[in-house]
Amino acid sequence: MAGFLVRRALWFVLTLWAVVTLAFFLMRAAPGGPFSGERRAAASVEAALRERYHLDWPLWKQYLAYVGPLELGSRGWIDGDGSDPFGGVLAGDLGPSLKYRDFSVGEVLAQSLPVSLELGALALVFAVVAGVGAGLCCALRPGSKLDLALHWGSTLGVALPGFVLASVLILVFVFLLPIFPVAGWGRPSQAILPAIALGAPVAASIARLVRAGMFEALGQDYVRTAIAKGMPVRIVVLRHALRQGILPVISYLGPASAGILTGSLVIEKIFFIPGTGQHFVNSALNRDYTLAMGVTILYTALVFFLNTLVDICYTLLDPRIPLEEA
């Protein structure tokens, strides 16, 4: 276990460095800048802002300053007097937001991340419960009308983008049947539609995986022997077959969780949820380099952590698979 975690930590450092480097230079290569649309400000004002945030430096110097080892000198990034210098990513400092002038990137993420994690957790719970339940129903009653309906439903769920489903949910349950609010966050009723829109495609994929995994598990000799000896089918399925049939779902949960996190970018924008995804969209539109980089680093760390956690869980469920090969 210790060796596995050390190797994963090294890979995380290399991956994070590659992501930071690529994202940094791609953002700077895009046309426009964070101050180019400052209400048609004078060129002198834009030049002063660029100087304050060191955007007038050469790219290589900006990159080294962002990573952290380069000393910024007497003036800091935030207040310009050296009292609060930007320490760089290596120091755990993501810098100031170029648009939210009174906030650092860390403060913006600290306010919005809990909202995104709550939405992602609700969507993932819905996806697992609905997907596993639908998959079990299909596997236990193959060829039935329920199996056919759930099969077509899961196919539609996989093919239908989340933003299309979100629009349909808003049309039906907000305008035609005014049951849920259309936007906002804080009340349970405001979380239902976004969680369903975000988790439904994942639930459809999980249902298909559970259905296929359960068919294979129910065909194993030990399962058929247990049923032939008179053990109740419900106990055989829940205690024996489900353990093996759910293994493909465990492998899928890593990228699925990452998909939920990245999918929340659009869902949060549609439902006006004050999460990290909405800040990422706004930072891209506003060319807020530091905030966009901060969200990118955060998502990279979350995805890497979730994939590592899934590998560990996979080995715990099936000890025959070494951790190094999970």
Protein backbone atom coordinates (compact mmCIF):
# COMPACT_ATOMS: atom_id res chain seq x y z
CA MET A 1 0.00 0.00 0.00
CA ALA A 2 2.76 2.47 0.94
CA GLY A 3 4.67 1.86 -2.29
CA PHE A 4 1.49 2.28 -4.33
CA LEU A 5 0.70 5.61 -2.64
CA VAL A 6 4.27 6.86 -3.15
CA ARG A 7 4.14 6.02 -6.86
CA ARG A 8 0.76 7.70 -7.18
CA ALA A 9 2.09 10.79 -5.41
CA LEU A 10 4.99 11.02 -7.86
CA TRP A 11 2.65 10.61 -10.81
CA PHE A 12 0.41 13.29 -9.33
CA VAL A 13 3.29 15.76 -9.14
CA LEU A 14 4.27 15.08 -12.77
CA THR A 15 0.67 15.25 -13.97
CA LEU A 16 -0.01 18.49 -12.11
CA TRP A 17 3.15 20.08 -13.50
CA ALA A 18 2.19 19.08 -17.05
CA VAL A 19 -1.37 20.41 -16.60
CA VAL A 20 -0.18 23.70 -15.08
CA THR A 21 2.40 24.24 -17.82
CA LEU A 22 0.08 23.41 -20.71
CA ALA A 23 -2.87 25.40 -19.32
CA PHE A 24 -0.69 28.42 -18.51
CA PHE A 25 0.67 28.85 -22.02
CA LEU A 26 -2.61 27.97 -23.78
CA MET A 27 -4.46 30.64 -21.79
CA ARG A 28 -1.86 33.25 -22.64
CA ALA A 29 -2.01 32.26 -26.31
CA ALA A 30 -5.75 32.99 -26.53
CA PRO A 31 -6.62 36.40 -28.01
CA GLY A 32 -7.62 39.17 -25.63
CA GLY A 33 -6.76 39.63 -21.99
CA PRO A 34 -8.31 40.23 -18.58
CA PHE A 35 -8.19 44.01 -18.97
CA SER A 36 -8.81 44.44 -22.68
CA GLY A 37 -12.53 44.96 -22.08
CA GLU A 38 -12.35 47.31 -19.10
CA ARG A 39 -15.22 49.51 -20.35
CA ARG A 40 -13.03 50.91 -23.11
CA ALA A 41 -10.49 52.11 -20.58
CA ALA A 42 -7.64 54.29 -21.70
CA ALA A 43 -4.48 52.56 -22.85
CA SER A 44 -2.63 54.01 -19.86
CA VAL A 45 -5.12 52.44 -17.44
CA GLU A 46 -4.80 49.03 -19.08
CA ALA A 47 -1.02 49.34 -19.06
CA ALA A 48 -1.09 50.19 -15.34
CA LEU A 49 -3.23 47.16 -14.58
CA ARG A 50 -0.97 44.89 -16.60
CA GLU A 51 2.04 46.27 -14.76
CA ARG A 52 0.39 45.79 -11.37
CA TYR A 53 -0.29 42.11 -12.04
CA HIS A 54 3.04 41.61 -13.88
CA LEU A 55 1.35 40.74 -17.16
CA ASP A 56 3.89 42.96 -18.90
CA TRP A 57 6.66 40.50 -18.04
CA PRO A 58 7.91 37.97 -20.61
CA LEU A 59 5.92 34.72 -20.60
CA TRP A 60 8.79 32.65 -19.22
CA LYS A 61 9.13 35.03 -16.28
CA GLN A 62 5.38 35.03 -15.63
CA TYR A 63 5.43 31.23 -15.66
CA LEU A 64 8.28 30.99 -13.17
CA ALA A 65 6.59 33.54 -10.95
CA TYR A 66 3.32 31.59 -11.09
CA VAL A 67 5.00 28.30 -10.27
CA GLY A 68 6.81 29.93 -7.39
CA PRO A 69 10.62 29.85 -7.41
CA LEU A 70 11.05 33.33 -8.90
CA GLU A 71 11.33 36.21 -6.42
CA LEU A 72 8.85 38.96 -7.33
CA GLY A 73 10.81 41.80 -5.87
CA SER A 74 9.50 44.68 -3.82
CA ARG A 75 5.92 44.76 -5.15
CA GLY A 76 3.31 42.10 -4.50
CA TRP A 77 0.58 40.90 -6.84
CA ILE A 78 -2.37 41.98 -4.72
CA ASP A 79 -1.80 45.38 -3.18
CA GLY A 80 1.32 46.50 -5.00
CA ASP A 81 3.28 47.49 -1.90
CA GLY A 82 5.02 44.22 -1.11
CA SER A 83 2.97 43.48 2.00
CA ASP A 84 1.15 40.57 0.41
CA PRO A 85 3.29 39.04 -2.36
CA PHE A 86 2.11 36.15 -4.49
CA GLY A 87 4.08 33.12 -3.35
CA GLY A 88 3.31 30.84 -6.29
CA VAL A 89 1.70 27.43 -6.67
CA LEU A 90 4.57 25.63 -4.93
CA ALA A 91 3.82 27.70 -1.84
CA GLY A 92 0.12 26.79 -2.05
CA ASP A 93 -0.80 30.29 -3.23
CA LEU A 94 -3.02 30.46 -6.34
CA GLY A 95 -2.73 34.23 -6.55
CA PRO A 96 -5.33 37.00 -6.75
CA SER A 97 -8.33 36.92 -9.03
CA LEU A 98 -7.88 39.38 -11.88
CA LYS A 99 -11.61 40.16 -12.02
CA TYR A 100 -12.78 39.75 -8.41
CA ARG A 101 -10.26 42.32 -7.23
CA ASP A 102 -11.05 42.01 -3.51
CA PHE A 103 -10.64 38.24 -3.43
CA SER A 104 -7.83 35.78 -3.94
CA VAL A 105 -8.37 32.65 -6.00
CA GLY A 106 -8.18 30.56 -2.83
CA GLU A 107 -11.00 32.57 -1.25
CA VAL A 108 -13.21 32.24 -4.34
CA LEU A 109 -12.67 28.48 -4.47
CA ALA A 110 -13.23 28.10 -0.71
CA GLN A 111 -16.65 29.72 -1.11
CA SER A 112 -17.74 27.84 -4.23
CA LEU A 113 -16.16 24.39 -3.84
CA PRO A 114 -18.53 23.15 -1.08
CA VAL A 115 -21.49 23.93 -3.35
CA SER A 116 -20.02 21.99 -6.27
CA LEU A 117 -19.06 19.06 -4.04
CA GLU A 118 -22.56 18.94 -2.56
CA LEU A 119 -24.14 18.97 -6.01
CA GLY A 120 -21.69 16.33 -7.26
CA ALA A 121 -22.32 14.10 -4.22
CA LEU A 122 -26.10 14.31 -4.68
CA ALA A 123 -25.78 13.56 -8.40
CA LEU A 124 -23.47 10.61 -7.73
CA VAL A 125 -25.77 9.15 -5.05
CA PHE A 126 -28.71 9.46 -7.43
CA ALA A 127 -26.70 7.86 -10.24
CA VAL A 128 -25.55 4.90 -8.14
CA VAL A 129 -28.94 4.20 -6.54
CA ALA A 130 -30.91 4.58 -9.76
CA GLY A 131 -28.32 2.82 -11.92
CA VAL A 132 -27.76 -0.18 -9.65
CA GLY A 133 -31.51 -0.55 -9.03
CA ALA A 134 -32.34 -0.43 -12.73
CA GLY A 135 -29.52 -2.83 -13.59
CA LEU A 136 -30.66 -5.36 -10.97
CA CYS A 137 -34.25 -5.21 -12.23
CA CYS A 138 -33.10 -5.84 -15.78
CA ALA A 139 -30.81 -8.71 -14.78
CA LEU A 140 -33.42 -10.47 -12.61
CA ARG A 141 -36.18 -10.16 -15.23
CA PRO A 142 -34.42 -10.49 -18.60
CA GLY A 143 -36.59 -10.09 -21.66
CA SER A 144 -39.50 -8.60 -19.73
CA LYS A 145 -41.23 -5.33 -20.58
CA LEU A 146 -39.46 -3.72 -17.62
CA ASP A 147 -36.10 -4.91 -18.95
CA LEU A 148 -36.89 -3.55 -22.41
CA ALA A 149 -38.10 -0.20 -21.04
CA LEU A 150 -35.08 0.24 -18.79
CA HIS A 151 -32.73 -0.80 -21.59
CA TRP A 152 -34.11 1.84 -23.95
CA GLY A 153 -34.19 4.36 -21.15
CA SER A 154 -30.52 3.78 -20.33
CA THR A 155 -29.60 4.06 -24.02
CA LEU A 156 -31.42 7.39 -24.21
CA GLY A 157 -29.76 8.54 -20.98
CA VAL A 158 -26.28 7.79 -22.34
CA ALA A 159 -26.98 9.54 -25.65
CA LEU A 160 -28.74 12.61 -24.23
CA PRO A 161 -26.38 15.43 -23.12
CA GLY A 162 -26.87 16.78 -19.62
CA PHE A 163 -27.73 20.29 -20.76
CA VAL A 164 -30.52 18.96 -23.00
CA LEU A 165 -31.95 16.95 -20.12
CA ALA A 166 -31.67 20.01 -17.86
CA SER A 167 -33.65 22.07 -20.38
CA VAL A 168 -36.35 19.39 -20.60
CA LEU A 169 -36.58 19.15 -16.80
CA ILE A 170 -36.94 22.93 -16.51
CA LEU A 171 -39.63 22.98 -19.22
CA VAL A 172 -41.64 20.19 -17.58
CA PHE A 173 -41.17 20.71 -13.84
CA VAL A 174 -40.84 24.50 -13.74
CA PHE A 175 -43.12 25.86 -16.47
CA LEU A 176 -45.64 23.11 -17.29
CA LEU A 177 -45.80 21.65 -13.78
CA PRO A 178 -44.45 24.34 -11.42
CA ILE A 179 -43.14 21.97 -8.76
CA PHE A 180 -39.49 22.98 -8.42
CA PRO A 181 -37.71 26.35 -8.54
CA VAL A 182 -35.73 27.09 -11.67
CA ALA A 183 -32.53 28.41 -10.09
CA GLY A 184 -30.62 29.10 -6.92
CA TRP A 185 -29.09 27.01 -4.16
CA GLY A 186 -29.66 26.46 -0.46
CA ARG A 187 -33.00 24.66 -0.25
CA PRO A 188 -33.52 20.91 -0.90
CA SER A 189 -36.02 21.64 -3.67
CA GLN A 190 -33.37 23.64 -5.54
CA ALA A 191 -31.00 20.65 -5.66
CA ILE A 192 -33.33 18.03 -7.13
CA LEU A 193 -33.41 19.06 -10.79
CA PRO A 194 -29.65 19.83 -11.08
CA ALA A 195 -28.75 16.54 -9.37
CA ILE A 196 -31.00 14.56 -11.73
CA ALA A 197 -29.72 16.38 -14.82
CA LEU A 198 -26.12 15.83 -13.76
CA GLY A 199 -26.48 12.25 -12.56
CA ALA A 200 -28.87 10.78 -15.15
CA PRO A 201 -26.26 10.03 -17.87
CA VAL A 202 -24.05 8.36 -15.25
CA ALA A 203 -27.02 6.39 -13.90
CA ALA A 204 -27.75 5.12 -17.42
CA SER A 205 -24.17 3.88 -17.86
CA ILE A 206 -24.16 2.25 -14.41
CA ALA A 207 -27.43 0.45 -15.22
CA ARG A 208 -25.93 -1.04 -18.37
CA LEU A 209 -22.77 -2.11 -16.52
CA VAL A 210 -24.74 -3.70 -13.66
CA ARG A 211 -27.00 -5.52 -16.10
CA ALA A 212 -24.05 -7.02 -17.98
CA GLY A 213 -22.11 -7.78 -14.79
CA MET A 214 -25.07 -9.46 -13.13
CA PHE A 215 -25.73 -11.65 -16.17
CA GLU A 216 -22.16 -12.88 -15.94
CA ALA A 217 -22.28 -13.33 -12.16
CA LEU A 218 -25.59 -15.21 -12.20
CA GLY A 219 -24.09 -17.65 -14.71
CA GLN A 220 -21.26 -18.66 -12.37
CA ASP A 221 -21.31 -22.24 -11.03
CA TYR A 222 -21.31 -21.26 -7.35
CA VAL A 223 -24.32 -19.00 -7.85
CA ARG A 224 -26.32 -21.64 -9.70
CA THR A 225 -25.35 -24.24 -7.11
CA ALA A 226 -26.53 -22.02 -4.26
CA ILE A 227 -29.88 -21.46 -5.99
CA ALA A 228 -30.20 -25.19 -6.76
CA LYS A 229 -29.68 -26.03 -3.06
CA GLY A 230 -32.68 -23.91 -2.16
CA MET A 231 -31.07 -20.69 -0.99
CA PRO A 232 -33.45 -17.76 -1.58
CA VAL A 233 -32.68 -15.96 -4.82
CA ARG A 234 -32.72 -12.57 -3.08
CA ILE A 235 -29.97 -13.66 -0.67
CA VAL A 236 -27.88 -15.21 -3.44
CA VAL A 237 -28.12 -12.06 -5.52
CA LEU A 238 -27.41 -9.57 -2.72
CA ARG A 239 -24.69 -11.53 -0.90
CA HIS A 240 -22.87 -13.27 -3.73
CA ALA A 241 -23.75 -12.23 -7.27
CA LEU A 242 -23.97 -8.51 -6.62
CA ARG A 243 -20.45 -8.40 -5.16
CA GLN A 244 -19.01 -9.63 -8.45
CA GLY A 245 -21.53 -7.96 -10.73
CA ILE A 246 -20.84 -4.51 -9.30
CA LEU A 247 -17.07 -4.64 -9.93
CA PRO A 248 -17.36 -2.95 -13.37
CA VAL A 249 -19.28 -0.13 -11.67
CA ILE A 250 -16.46 0.41 -9.18
CA SER A 251 -14.00 0.80 -12.06
CA TYR A 252 -16.36 3.20 -13.79
CA LEU A 253 -16.92 5.42 -10.73
CA GLY A 254 -13.52 7.09 -11.05
CA PRO A 255 -14.03 8.60 -14.51
CA ALA A 256 -17.75 8.96 -13.74
CA SER A 257 -17.00 11.15 -10.75
CA ALA A 258 -14.65 13.20 -12.91
CA GLY A 259 -17.39 13.48 -15.53
CA ILE A 260 -19.84 14.71 -12.91
CA LEU A 261 -17.36 17.36 -11.77
CA THR A 262 -16.65 18.60 -15.27
CA GLY A 263 -20.29 18.26 -16.31
CA SER A 264 -21.31 20.52 -13.47
CA LEU A 265 -19.74 23.44 -15.39
CA VAL A 266 -22.74 23.62 -17.70
CA ILE A 267 -25.37 22.49 -15.19
CA GLU A 268 -24.32 25.13 -12.66
CA LYS A 269 -24.56 27.78 -15.35
CA ILE A 270 -28.04 26.65 -16.42
CA PHE A 271 -29.44 26.55 -12.88
CA PHE A 272 -27.48 29.61 -11.65
CA ILE A 273 -25.74 27.64 -8.92
CA PRO A 274 -22.85 29.55 -7.26
CA GLY A 275 -20.37 26.70 -7.60
CA THR A 276 -16.87 26.28 -8.93
CA GLY A 277 -18.15 25.38 -12.40
CA GLN A 278 -19.82 28.74 -12.87
CA HIS A 279 -16.63 30.50 -11.78
CA PHE A 280 -14.66 28.46 -14.31
CA VAL A 281 -17.00 29.47 -17.14
CA ASN A 282 -16.89 33.12 -16.08
CA SER A 283 -13.11 33.04 -15.73
CA ALA A 284 -12.79 31.71 -19.29
CA LEU A 285 -15.11 34.40 -20.64
CA ASN A 286 -13.37 37.15 -18.64
CA ARG A 287 -9.83 35.88 -19.32
CA ASP A 288 -9.28 35.68 -15.56
CA TYR A 289 -6.06 33.72 -15.88
CA THR A 290 -5.41 33.03 -12.21
CA LEU A 291 -8.97 31.90 -11.41
CA ALA A 292 -9.11 29.64 -14.46
CA MET A 293 -5.75 28.13 -13.51
CA GLY A 294 -6.92 27.65 -9.93
CA VAL A 295 -10.05 25.75 -11.00
CA THR A 296 -7.98 23.65 -13.42
CA ILE A 297 -5.54 22.70 -10.67
CA LEU A 298 -8.40 21.91 -8.30
CA TYR A 299 -10.16 19.65 -10.81
CA THR A 300 -6.90 17.87 -11.64
CA ALA A 301 -6.29 17.12 -7.96
CA LEU A 302 -9.87 15.92 -7.41
CA VAL A 303 -9.84 13.62 -10.44
CA PHE A 304 -6.49 12.11 -9.46
CA PHE A 305 -7.67 11.55 -5.88
CA LEU A 306 -10.93 9.94 -6.99
CA ASN A 307 -9.17 7.57 -9.39
CA THR A 308 -6.74 6.51 -6.66
CA LEU A 309 -9.61 5.92 -4.23
CA VAL A 310 -11.45 3.80 -6.80
CA ASP A 311 -8.36 1.64 -7.39
CA ILE A 312 -8.07 0.99 -3.66
CA CYS A 313 -11.77 0.13 -3.36
CA TYR A 314 -11.53 -2.21 -6.35
CA THR A 315 -8.75 -4.19 -4.67
CA LEU A 316 -10.66 -4.33 -1.38
CA LEU A 317 -13.71 -5.78 -3.16
CA ASP A 318 -11.65 -8.31 -5.14
CA PRO A 319 -8.42 -9.23 -3.29
CA ARG A 320 -7.33 -11.35 -6.25
CA ILE A 321 -6.39 -8.15 -8.07
CA PRO A 322 -3.09 -6.64 -6.80
CA LEU A 323 -3.22 -2.96 -5.92
CA GLU A 324 -0.48 -2.15 -8.41
CA GLU A 325 -2.64 -3.54 -11.23
CA ALA A 326 -5.98 -2.04 -10.12
